[in-house]
Amino acid sequence: MSLRDTLKSIVENVDGGLAAMIMAYDGIPVDEVCLEQSEFDMQLLSVEYATVLKEIRRTIEVIKAGEMEEVSITTSRTCVAIRVLNDELFVVLIMKRDGNFGKGRYLLRLHSFEMAQTLA
């Protein structure tokens, strides 16, 4: 399955799924799928979260807490699940606030190894 097909499958199989994208830590998107038009810019959201994610990763390294695997951010309008694929890339799933966050996290974890292997 291609990266785009995998991303599309994840978004389509999560109630409230809006978008999924593979991003580099510098904020450059590798691939993305957006199912719904949102009132805010999904790419801008991901670029800004990439900046935050770099800081979280740096902090984890400083305190020697192990390897970062997953980060979630919940706001009054969205839930965002971020799963690390390798040292350079991560996958982001953006959902509506009332979406099925647990299933979204599960699908990211389920497909993250496959996506990382495809990108290697």
C-alpha atoms as a PDB file:
ATOM      1  CA  MET A   1       0.000   0.000   0.000  1.00  0.00           C
ATOM      2  CA  SER A   2       1.372   3.459  -0.884  1.00  0.00           C
ATOM      3  CA  LEU A   3       1.898   6.120   1.775  1.00  0.00           C
ATOM      4  CA  ARG A   4      -1.010   8.140   0.418  1.00  0.00           C
ATOM      5  CA  ASP A   5      -3.289   5.073   0.516  1.00  0.00           C
ATOM      6  CA  THR A   6      -2.235   4.348   4.088  1.00  0.00           C
ATOM      7  CA  LEU A   7      -2.881   7.934   5.185  1.00  0.00           C
ATOM      8  CA  LYS A   8      -6.244   7.964   3.412  1.00  0.00           C
ATOM      9  CA  SER A   9      -7.222   4.666   5.027  1.00  0.00           C
ATOM     10  CA  ILE A  10      -6.368   5.982   8.488  1.00  0.00           C
ATOM     11  CA  VAL A  11      -8.360   9.214   8.065  1.00  0.00           C
ATOM     12  CA  GLU A  12     -11.353   7.472   6.488  1.00  0.00           C
ATOM     13  CA  ASN A  13     -11.528   4.831   9.223  1.00  0.00           C
ATOM     14  CA  VAL A  14     -11.586   7.267  12.132  1.00  0.00           C
ATOM     15  CA  ASP A  15     -14.847   8.987  12.989  1.00  0.00           C
ATOM     16  CA  GLY A  16     -14.129  12.709  12.810  1.00  0.00           C
ATOM     17  CA  GLY A  17     -10.898  12.283  10.836  1.00  0.00           C
ATOM     18  CA  LEU A  18      -9.963  15.471   8.980  1.00  0.00           C
ATOM     19  CA  ALA A  19      -6.411  14.977   7.712  1.00  0.00           C
ATOM     20  CA  ALA A  20      -3.275  12.898   8.016  1.00  0.00           C
ATOM     21  CA  MET A  21       0.191  13.888   6.916  1.00  0.00           C
ATOM     22  CA  ILE A  22       3.764  12.747   7.107  1.00  0.00           C
ATOM     23  CA  MET A  23       6.037  15.625   8.067  1.00  0.00           C
ATOM     24  CA  ALA A  24       9.726  16.243   8.568  1.00  0.00           C
ATOM     25  CA  TYR A  25      10.841  17.963  11.766  1.00  0.00           C
ATOM     26  CA  ASP A  26      11.659  21.054   9.705  1.00  0.00           C
ATOM     27  CA  GLY A  27       7.944  21.343   8.853  1.00  0.00           C
ATOM     28  CA  ILE A  28       8.155  20.125   5.253  1.00  0.00           C
ATOM     29  CA  PRO A  29       5.277  17.774   4.357  1.00  0.00           C
ATOM     30  CA  VAL A  30       6.222  14.492   2.661  1.00  0.00           C
ATOM     31  CA  ASP A  31       2.657  13.420   1.894  1.00  0.00           C
ATOM     32  CA  GLU A  32      -0.819  14.381   3.070  1.00  0.00           C
ATOM     33  CA  VAL A  33      -4.484  13.559   2.754  1.00  0.00           C
ATOM     34  CA  CYS A  34      -7.246  16.005   3.723  1.00  0.00           C
ATOM     35  CA  LEU A  35     -10.806  14.684   3.727  1.00  0.00           C
ATOM     36  CA  GLU A  36     -12.613  17.816   4.796  1.00  0.00           C
ATOM     37  CA  GLN A  37     -12.027  21.479   4.278  1.00  0.00           C
ATOM     38  CA  SER A  38     -11.491  23.060   7.658  1.00  0.00           C
ATOM     39  CA  GLU A  39     -11.811  26.636   8.808  1.00  0.00           C
ATOM     40  CA  PHE A  40      -8.078  26.674   9.564  1.00  0.00           C
ATOM     41  CA  ASP A  41      -4.995  25.815   7.520  1.00  0.00           C
ATOM     42  CA  MET A  42      -4.021  22.177   8.139  1.00  0.00           C
ATOM     43  CA  GLN A  43      -0.509  22.670   6.767  1.00  0.00           C
ATOM     44  CA  LEU A  44       0.125  25.677   8.980  1.00  0.00           C
ATOM     45  CA  LEU A  45      -1.146  23.716  11.966  1.00  0.00           C
ATOM     46  CA  SER A  46       1.273  20.871  11.187  1.00  0.00           C
ATOM     47  CA  VAL A  47       4.232  23.188  10.595  1.00  0.00           C
ATOM     48  CA  GLU A  48       3.646  24.890  13.937  1.00  0.00           C
ATOM     49  CA  TYR A  49       3.250  21.545  15.700  1.00  0.00           C
ATOM     50  CA  ALA A  50       6.545  20.410  14.099  1.00  0.00           C
ATOM     51  CA  THR A  51       8.250  23.276  15.912  1.00  0.00           C
ATOM     52  CA  VAL A  52       6.668  22.254  19.207  1.00  0.00           C
ATOM     53  CA  LEU A  53       7.549  18.610  18.587  1.00  0.00           C
ATOM     54  CA  LYS A  54      11.227  19.470  18.078  1.00  0.00           C
ATOM     55  CA  GLU A  55      11.254  21.162  21.478  1.00  0.00           C
ATOM     56  CA  ILE A  56       9.521  18.219  23.148  1.00  0.00           C
ATOM     57  CA  ARG A  57      12.010  15.805  21.564  1.00  0.00           C
ATOM     58  CA  ARG A  58      14.945  17.960  22.708  1.00  0.00           C
ATOM     59  CA  THR A  59      13.561  18.081  26.251  1.00  0.00           C
ATOM     60  CA  ILE A  60      13.111  14.300  26.331  1.00  0.00           C
ATOM     61  CA  GLU A  61      16.724  13.873  25.210  1.00  0.00           C
ATOM     62  CA  VAL A  62      18.000  16.304  27.872  1.00  0.00           C
ATOM     63  CA  ILE A  63      16.214  14.500  30.708  1.00  0.00           C
ATOM     64  CA  LYS A  64      17.096  11.088  29.212  1.00  0.00           C
ATOM     65  CA  ALA A  65      13.505   9.842  29.354  1.00  0.00           C
ATOM     66  CA  GLY A  66      13.898   7.460  26.398  1.00  0.00           C
ATOM     67  CA  GLU A  67      12.783   7.713  22.794  1.00  0.00           C
ATOM     68  CA  MET A  68       9.745   9.836  21.982  1.00  0.00           C
ATOM     69  CA  GLU A  69       7.001   7.704  20.414  1.00  0.00           C
ATOM     70  CA  GLU A  70       3.770   9.676  20.495  1.00  0.00           C
ATOM     71  CA  VAL A  71       2.384  13.095  21.387  1.00  0.00           C
ATOM     72  CA  SER A  72      -1.228  14.197  21.507  1.00  0.00           C
ATOM     73  CA  ILE A  73      -2.631  17.695  21.563  1.00  0.00           C
ATOM     74  CA  THR A  74      -6.281  18.374  22.312  1.00  0.00           C
ATOM     75  CA  THR A  75      -7.907  21.748  21.869  1.00  0.00           C
ATOM     76  CA  SER A  76     -11.510  22.890  22.063  1.00  0.00           C
ATOM     77  CA  ARG A  77     -11.889  22.172  18.313  1.00  0.00           C
ATOM     78  CA  THR A  78      -9.425  19.419  17.383  1.00  0.00           C
ATOM     79  CA  CYS A  79      -7.540  16.381  18.582  1.00  0.00           C
ATOM     80  CA  VAL A  80      -4.138  15.801  17.066  1.00  0.00           C
ATOM     81  CA  ALA A  81      -2.206  12.551  17.424  1.00  0.00           C
ATOM     82  CA  ILE A  82       1.447  12.567  16.375  1.00  0.00           C
ATOM     83  CA  ARG A  83       3.470   9.373  15.992  1.00  0.00           C
ATOM     84  CA  VAL A  84       7.236   9.335  15.404  1.00  0.00           C
ATOM     85  CA  LEU A  85       8.304   7.294  12.351  1.00  0.00           C
ATOM     86  CA  ASN A  86      12.080   7.793  12.550  1.00  0.00           C
ATOM     87  CA  ASP A  87      14.677  10.426  13.491  1.00  0.00           C
ATOM     88  CA  GLU A  88      13.533  12.714  10.682  1.00  0.00           C
ATOM     89  CA  LEU A  89       9.808  12.086  10.131  1.00  0.00           C
ATOM     90  CA  PHE A  90       6.523  11.812  11.986  1.00  0.00           C
ATOM     91  CA  VAL A  91       2.894  11.229  11.052  1.00  0.00           C
ATOM     92  CA  VAL A  92       0.090  13.551  12.169  1.00  0.00           C
ATOM     93  CA  LEU A  93      -3.599  12.679  12.416  1.00  0.00           C
ATOM     94  CA  ILE A  94      -5.972  15.626  12.828  1.00  0.00           C
ATOM     95  CA  MET A  95      -9.487  14.881  14.038  1.00  0.00           C
ATOM     96  CA  LYS A  96     -12.552  16.802  15.102  1.00  0.00           C
ATOM     97  CA  ARG A  97     -12.772  17.261  18.866  1.00  0.00           C
ATOM     98  CA  ASP A  98     -15.538  14.679  19.134  1.00  0.00           C
ATOM     99  CA  GLY A  99     -13.760  12.186  16.829  1.00  0.00           C
ATOM    100  CA  ASN A 100     -12.682   8.702  17.863  1.00  0.00           C
ATOM    101  CA  PHE A 101      -9.296   9.616  19.312  1.00  0.00           C
ATOM    102  CA  GLY A 102      -8.550   6.128  20.641  1.00  0.00           C
ATOM    103  CA  LYS A 103      -9.059   4.509  17.264  1.00  0.00           C
ATOM    104  CA  GLY A 104      -6.964   7.201  15.608  1.00  0.00           C
ATOM    105  CA  ARG A 105      -4.060   6.522  17.965  1.00  0.00           C
ATOM    106  CA  TYR A 106      -4.444   2.791  17.409  1.00  0.00           C
ATOM    107  CA  LEU A 107      -4.367   3.106  13.613  1.00  0.00           C
ATOM    108  CA  LEU A 108      -1.298   5.346  13.731  1.00  0.00           C
ATOM    109  CA  ARG A 109       0.511   2.840  15.938  1.00  0.00           C
ATOM    110  CA  LEU A 110      -0.639  -0.060  13.752  1.00  0.00           C
ATOM    111  CA  HIS A 111       0.622   1.511  10.504  1.00  0.00           C
ATOM    112  CA  SER A 112       3.677   3.431  11.759  1.00  0.00           C
ATOM    113  CA  PHE A 113       6.165   0.577  11.243  1.00  0.00           C
ATOM    114  CA  GLU A 114       4.884   0.006   7.688  1.00  0.00           C
ATOM    115  CA  MET A 115       5.150   3.712   6.870  1.00  0.00           C
ATOM    116  CA  ALA A 116       8.642   3.943   8.368  1.00  0.00           C
ATOM    117  CA  GLN A 117       9.770   0.956   6.263  1.00  0.00           C
ATOM    118  CA  THR A 118       8.337   2.525   3.110  1.00  0.00           C
ATOM    119  CA  LEU A 119      10.225   5.742   3.826  1.00  0.00           C
ATOM    120  CA  ALA A 120      13.547   4.023   4.585  1.00  0.00           C
END
